[in-house]
PDB file of N, CA and C in Angstrom:
ATOM      1  N   UNK A   1     138.696 100.758  83.640  1.00  0.00           N
ATOM      2  CA  UNK A   1     137.806 100.848  83.578  1.00  0.00           C
ATOM      3  C   UNK A   1     136.930 100.549  81.981  1.00  0.00           C
ATOM      4  N   UNK A   2     136.984  99.597  80.914  1.00  0.00           N
ATOM      5  CA  UNK A   2     135.681 100.148  79.611  1.00  0.00           C
ATOM      6  C   UNK A   2     134.349  99.673  79.419  1.00  0.00           C
ATOM      7  N   UNK A   3     133.846 100.776  80.352  1.00  0.00           N
ATOM      8  CA  UNK A   3     132.156 100.371  80.128  1.00  0.00           C
ATOM      9  C   UNK A   3     131.276 100.099  79.348  1.00  0.00           C
ATOM     10  N   UNK A   4     131.886 100.047  77.405  1.00  0.00           N
ATOM     11  CA  UNK A   4     131.600 100.357  77.027  1.00  0.00           C
ATOM     12  C   UNK A   4     132.175  98.628  76.171  1.00  0.00           C
ATOM     13  N   UNK A   5     133.367  98.744  76.310  1.00  0.00           N
ATOM     14  CA  UNK A   5     133.585  97.156  76.249  1.00  0.00           C
ATOM     15  C   UNK A   5     133.264  95.859  76.868  1.00  0.00           C
ATOM     16  N   UNK A   6     133.084  96.204  78.433  1.00  0.00           N
ATOM     17  CA  UNK A   6     132.373  95.536  78.737  1.00  0.00           C
ATOM     18  C   UNK A   6     130.854  95.430  78.655  1.00  0.00           C
ATOM     19  N   UNK A   7     130.112  95.817  78.463  1.00  0.00           N
ATOM     20  CA  UNK A   7     128.872  95.911  78.224  1.00  0.00           C
ATOM     21  C   UNK A   7     128.440  94.432  76.525  1.00  0.00           C
ATOM     22  N   UNK A   8     129.689  95.186  75.873  1.00  0.00           N
ATOM     23  CA  UNK A   8     128.963  94.695  74.386  1.00  0.00           C
ATOM     24  C   UNK A   8     129.812  93.312  74.981  1.00  0.00           C
ATOM     25  N   UNK A   9     130.616  92.623  75.535  1.00  0.00           N
ATOM     26  CA  UNK A   9     131.352  91.126  76.198  1.00  0.00           C
ATOM     27  C   UNK A   9     129.772  90.590  76.601  1.00  0.00           C
ATOM     28  N   UNK A  10     129.861  91.247  77.278  1.00  0.00           N
ATOM     29  CA  UNK A  10     127.936  90.939  78.472  1.00  0.00           C
ATOM     30  C   UNK A  10     126.523  90.396  77.777  1.00  0.00           C
ATOM     31  N   UNK A  11     126.871  91.595  76.226  1.00  0.00           N
ATOM     32  CA  UNK A  11     125.362  91.056  75.060  1.00  0.00           C
ATOM     33  C   UNK A  11     125.505  89.969  74.478  1.00  0.00           C
ATOM     34  N   UNK A  12     127.302  90.033  74.029  1.00  0.00           N
ATOM     35  CA  UNK A  12     127.978  88.646  73.547  1.00  0.00           C
ATOM     36  C   UNK A  12     127.486  87.483  74.365  1.00  0.00           C
ATOM     37  N   UNK A  13     127.770  87.894  75.007  1.00  0.00           N
ATOM     38  CA  UNK A  13     127.660  86.066  75.771  1.00  0.00           C
ATOM     39  C   UNK A  13     125.899  85.686  76.367  1.00  0.00           C
ATOM     40  N   UNK A  14     125.473  86.857  77.054  1.00  0.00           N
ATOM     41  CA  UNK A  14     124.222  87.083  76.643  1.00  0.00           C
ATOM     42  C   UNK A  14     123.388  86.013  74.864  1.00  0.00           C
ATOM     43  N   UNK A  15     123.945  86.603  74.527  1.00  0.00           N
ATOM     44  CA  UNK A  15     123.088  86.971  72.764  1.00  0.00           C
ATOM     45  C   UNK A  15     123.339  85.161  72.668  1.00  0.00           C
ATOM     46  N   UNK A  16     125.182  84.413  73.135  1.00  0.00           N
ATOM     47  CA  UNK A  16     125.294  82.600  73.132  1.00  0.00           C
ATOM     48  C   UNK A  16     124.837  81.571  73.902  1.00  0.00           C
ATOM     49  N   UNK A  17     123.825  82.903  74.697  1.00  0.00           N
ATOM     50  CA  UNK A  17     123.321  81.140  76.014  1.00  0.00           C
ATOM     51  C   UNK A  17     121.717  81.230  75.541  1.00  0.00           C
ATOM     52  N   UNK A  18     121.235  79.968  75.713  1.00  0.00           N
ATOM     53  CA  UNK A  18     119.950  79.916  75.817  1.00  0.00           C
ATOM     54  C   UNK A  18     119.144  78.539  75.843  1.00  0.00           C
ATOM     55  N   UNK A  19     117.909  78.877  76.420  1.00  0.00           N
ATOM     56  CA  UNK A  19     117.386  78.336  77.553  1.00  0.00           C
ATOM     57  C   UNK A  19     117.485  76.817  77.537  1.00  0.00           C
ATOM     58  N   UNK A  20     118.043  75.876  78.806  1.00  0.00           N
ATOM     59  CA  UNK A  20     118.255  74.843  78.286  1.00  0.00           C
ATOM     60  C   UNK A  20     117.138  74.048  78.867  1.00  0.00           C
ATOM     61  N   UNK A  21     116.650  72.308  77.326  1.00  0.00           N
ATOM     62  CA  UNK A  21     115.936  71.861  76.856  1.00  0.00           C
ATOM     63  C   UNK A  21     115.355  71.708  78.569  1.00  0.00           C
ATOM     64  N   UNK A  22     114.612  70.601  78.061  1.00  0.00           N
ATOM     65  CA  UNK A  22     113.706  69.756  79.662  1.00  0.00           C
ATOM     66  C   UNK A  22     114.436  68.537  79.509  1.00  0.00           C
ATOM     67  N   UNK A  23     115.008  67.809  78.839  1.00  0.00           N
ATOM     68  CA  UNK A  23     115.737  67.186  79.383  1.00  0.00           C
ATOM     69  C   UNK A  23     117.484  67.379  80.126  1.00  0.00           C
ATOM     70  N   UNK A  24     117.726  68.416  79.361  1.00  0.00           N
ATOM     71  CA  UNK A  24     119.218  68.968  79.761  1.00  0.00           C
ATOM     72  C   UNK A  24     119.038  68.884  81.751  1.00  0.00           C
ATOM     73  N   UNK A  25     117.622  69.785  81.873  1.00  0.00           N
ATOM     74  CA  UNK A  25     117.148  70.773  83.493  1.00  0.00           C
ATOM     75  C   UNK A  25     117.211  69.955  83.866  1.00  0.00           C
ATOM     76  N   UNK A  26     116.775  68.936  83.671  1.00  0.00           N
ATOM     77  CA  UNK A  26     116.107  67.722  83.946  1.00  0.00           C
ATOM     78  C   UNK A  26     117.561  66.393  84.369  1.00  0.00           C
ATOM     79  N   UNK A  27     118.322  67.186  83.721  1.00  0.00           N
ATOM     80  CA  UNK A  27     119.901  65.910  84.319  1.00  0.00           C
ATOM     81  C   UNK A  27     120.422  66.628  84.907  1.00  0.00           C
ATOM     82  N   UNK A  28     120.624  67.737  84.393  1.00  0.00           N
ATOM     83  CA  UNK A  28     121.356  69.319  85.136  1.00  0.00           C
ATOM     84  C   UNK A  28     120.352  69.229  87.001  1.00  0.00           C
ATOM     85  N   UNK A  29     119.540  68.642  86.991  1.00  0.00           N
ATOM     86  CA  UNK A  29     119.010  69.084  88.631  1.00  0.00           C
ATOM     87  C   UNK A  29     119.035  66.956  89.164  1.00  0.00           C
ATOM     88  N   UNK A  30     118.932  66.346  88.030  1.00  0.00           N
ATOM     89  CA  UNK A  30     119.118  65.415  88.363  1.00  0.00           C
ATOM     90  C   UNK A  30     120.689  64.625  89.815  1.00  0.00           C
ATOM     91  N   UNK A  31     121.708  65.539  88.989  1.00  0.00           N
ATOM     92  CA  UNK A  31     123.022  66.019  88.903  1.00  0.00           C
ATOM     93  C   UNK A  31     123.347  66.825  90.260  1.00  0.00           C
ATOM     94  N   UNK A  32     123.029  67.479  90.249  1.00  0.00           N
ATOM     95  CA  UNK A  32     122.598  68.086  91.687  1.00  0.00           C
ATOM     96  C   UNK A  32     122.129  68.090  92.603  1.00  0.00           C
ATOM     97  N   UNK A  33     121.111  67.238  93.127  1.00  0.00           N
ATOM     98  CA  UNK A  33     120.414  67.269  94.007  1.00  0.00           C
ATOM     99  C   UNK A  33     120.574  64.858  94.364  1.00  0.00           C
ATOM    100  N   UNK A  34     121.938  64.366  93.650  1.00  0.00           N
ATOM    101  CA  UNK A  34     121.938  63.584  93.922  1.00  0.00           C
ATOM    102  C   UNK A  34     124.183  64.540  93.993  1.00  0.00           C
ATOM    103  N   UNK A  35     124.066  65.005  94.448  1.00  0.00           N
ATOM    104  CA  UNK A  35     125.835  66.157  94.507  1.00  0.00           C
ATOM    105  C   UNK A  35     125.444  66.371  96.120  1.00  0.00           C
ATOM    106  N   UNK A  36     123.997  67.213  96.041  1.00  0.00           N
ATOM    107  CA  UNK A  36     123.509  67.243  97.240  1.00  0.00           C
ATOM    108  C   UNK A  36     123.971  65.986  98.501  1.00  0.00           C
ATOM    109  N   UNK A  37     122.720  64.998  97.995  1.00  0.00           N
ATOM    110  CA  UNK A  37     122.452  63.835  99.640  1.00  0.00           C
ATOM    111  C   UNK A  37     123.480  63.565  99.497  1.00  0.00           C
ATOM    112  N   UNK A  38     125.076  63.506  98.014  1.00  0.00           N
ATOM    113  CA  UNK A  38     126.144  63.043  98.752  1.00  0.00           C
ATOM    114  C   UNK A  38     126.754  64.003  99.989  1.00  0.00           C
ATOM    115  N   UNK A  39     127.017  64.900  99.671  1.00  0.00           N
ATOM    116  CA  UNK A  39     127.719  66.275 101.027  1.00  0.00           C
ATOM    117  C   UNK A  39     127.035  65.659 101.893  1.00  0.00           C
ATOM    118  N   UNK A  40     125.563  65.651 102.432  1.00  0.00           N
ATOM    119  CA  UNK A  40     124.904  65.604 103.384  1.00  0.00           C
ATOM    120  C   UNK A  40     125.085  63.767 103.655  1.00  0.00           C
ATOM    121  N   UNK A  41     125.175  63.578 103.048  1.00  0.00           N
ATOM    122  CA  UNK A  41     125.508  61.845 104.296  1.00  0.00           C
ATOM    123  C   UNK A  41     126.827  61.753 104.225  1.00  0.00           C
ATOM    124  N   UNK A  42     127.689  62.241 103.614  1.00  0.00           N
ATOM    125  CA  UNK A  42     128.565  62.672 103.903  1.00  0.00           C
ATOM    126  C   UNK A  42     128.859  62.459 105.647  1.00  0.00           C
ATOM    127  N   UNK A  43     128.247  63.842 105.756  1.00  0.00           N
ATOM    128  CA  UNK A  43     128.090  64.777 106.587  1.00  0.00           C
ATOM    129  C   UNK A  43     127.694  64.560 108.006  1.00  0.00           C
ATOM    130  N   UNK A  44     126.846  63.591 107.592  1.00  0.00           N
ATOM    131  CA  UNK A  44     126.011  62.614 109.019  1.00  0.00           C
ATOM    132  C   UNK A  44     126.780  61.726 109.661  1.00  0.00           C
ATOM    133  N   UNK A  45     127.566  60.827 108.402  1.00  0.00           N
ATOM    134  CA  UNK A  45     128.739  59.400 108.525  1.00  0.00           C
ATOM    135  C   UNK A  45     129.557  60.198 109.455  1.00  0.00           C
ATOM    136  N   UNK A  46     129.846  61.715 109.689  1.00  0.00           N
ATOM    137  CA  UNK A  46     131.037  62.310 109.621  1.00  0.00           C
ATOM    138  C   UNK A  46     130.902  62.075 111.264  1.00  0.00           C
ATOM    139  N   UNK A  47     129.616  63.582 111.516  1.00  0.00           N
ATOM    140  CA  UNK A  47     128.636  63.330 112.826  1.00  0.00           C
ATOM    141  C   UNK A  47     128.308  62.136 113.456  1.00  0.00           C
ATOM    142  N   UNK A  48     128.302  61.099 112.835  1.00  0.00           N
ATOM    143  CA  UNK A  48     128.124  60.299 113.024  1.00  0.00           C
ATOM    144  C   UNK A  48     129.101  59.491 114.087  1.00  0.00           C
ATOM    145  N   UNK A  49     130.248  59.137 112.841  1.00  0.00           N
ATOM    146  CA  UNK A  49     131.013  58.412 114.104  1.00  0.00           C
ATOM    147  C   UNK A  49     132.053  59.538 114.940  1.00  0.00           C
ATOM    148  N   UNK A  50     132.030  60.886 115.273  1.00  0.00           N
ATOM    149  CA  UNK A  50     132.624  61.466 116.086  1.00  0.00           C
ATOM    150  C   UNK A  50     131.234  61.151 117.736  1.00  0.00           C
ATOM    151  N   UNK A  51     129.922  61.565 117.100  1.00  0.00           N
ATOM    152  CA  UNK A  51     129.471  61.918 117.965  1.00  0.00           C
ATOM    153  C   UNK A  51     129.516  59.571 118.385  1.00  0.00           C
ATOM    154  N   UNK A  52     130.308  59.125 118.704  1.00  0.00           N
ATOM    155  CA  UNK A  52     130.527  57.669 118.966  1.00  0.00           C
ATOM    156  C   UNK A  52     132.156  57.847 119.836  1.00  0.00           C
ATOM    157  N   UNK A  53     133.168  58.908 119.397  1.00  0.00           N
ATOM    158  CA  UNK A  53     134.269  58.214 119.745  1.00  0.00           C
ATOM    159  C   UNK A  53     134.659  59.289 121.027  1.00  0.00           C
ATOM    160  N   UNK A  54     135.758  59.222 121.867  1.00  0.00           N
ATOM    161  CA  UNK A  54     135.894  59.473 123.625  1.00  0.00           C
ATOM    162  C   UNK A  54     135.903  61.431 122.784  1.00  0.00           C
ATOM    163  N   UNK A  55     134.714  62.056 123.236  1.00  0.00           N
ATOM    164  CA  UNK A  55     135.447  63.726 123.576  1.00  0.00           C
ATOM    165  C   UNK A  55     134.726  63.811 122.196  1.00  0.00           C
ATOM    166  N   UNK A  56     133.801  63.369 121.940  1.00  0.00           N
ATOM    167  CA  UNK A  56     132.894  64.030 120.815  1.00  0.00           C
ATOM    168  C   UNK A  56     132.135  64.407 120.830  1.00  0.00           C
ATOM    169  N   UNK A  57     131.406  65.283 119.793  1.00  0.00           N
ATOM    170  CA  UNK A  57     130.009  66.982 120.490  1.00  0.00           C
ATOM    171  C   UNK A  57     129.292  66.648 121.472  1.00  0.00           C
TER     172      UNK A  57
END
């Protein structure tokens, strides 16, 4: 493990990284929220189907 090489790589990545603008952050938050909602809704639908089937939860 070459510590100097690793640190140089980390510094290079941090220099390229930038804080997103409010528009970018807002769009990412909306997409992430929609994904969380979709996964939760899908889980609820599966739970509801399994509850009505014989031998379900």
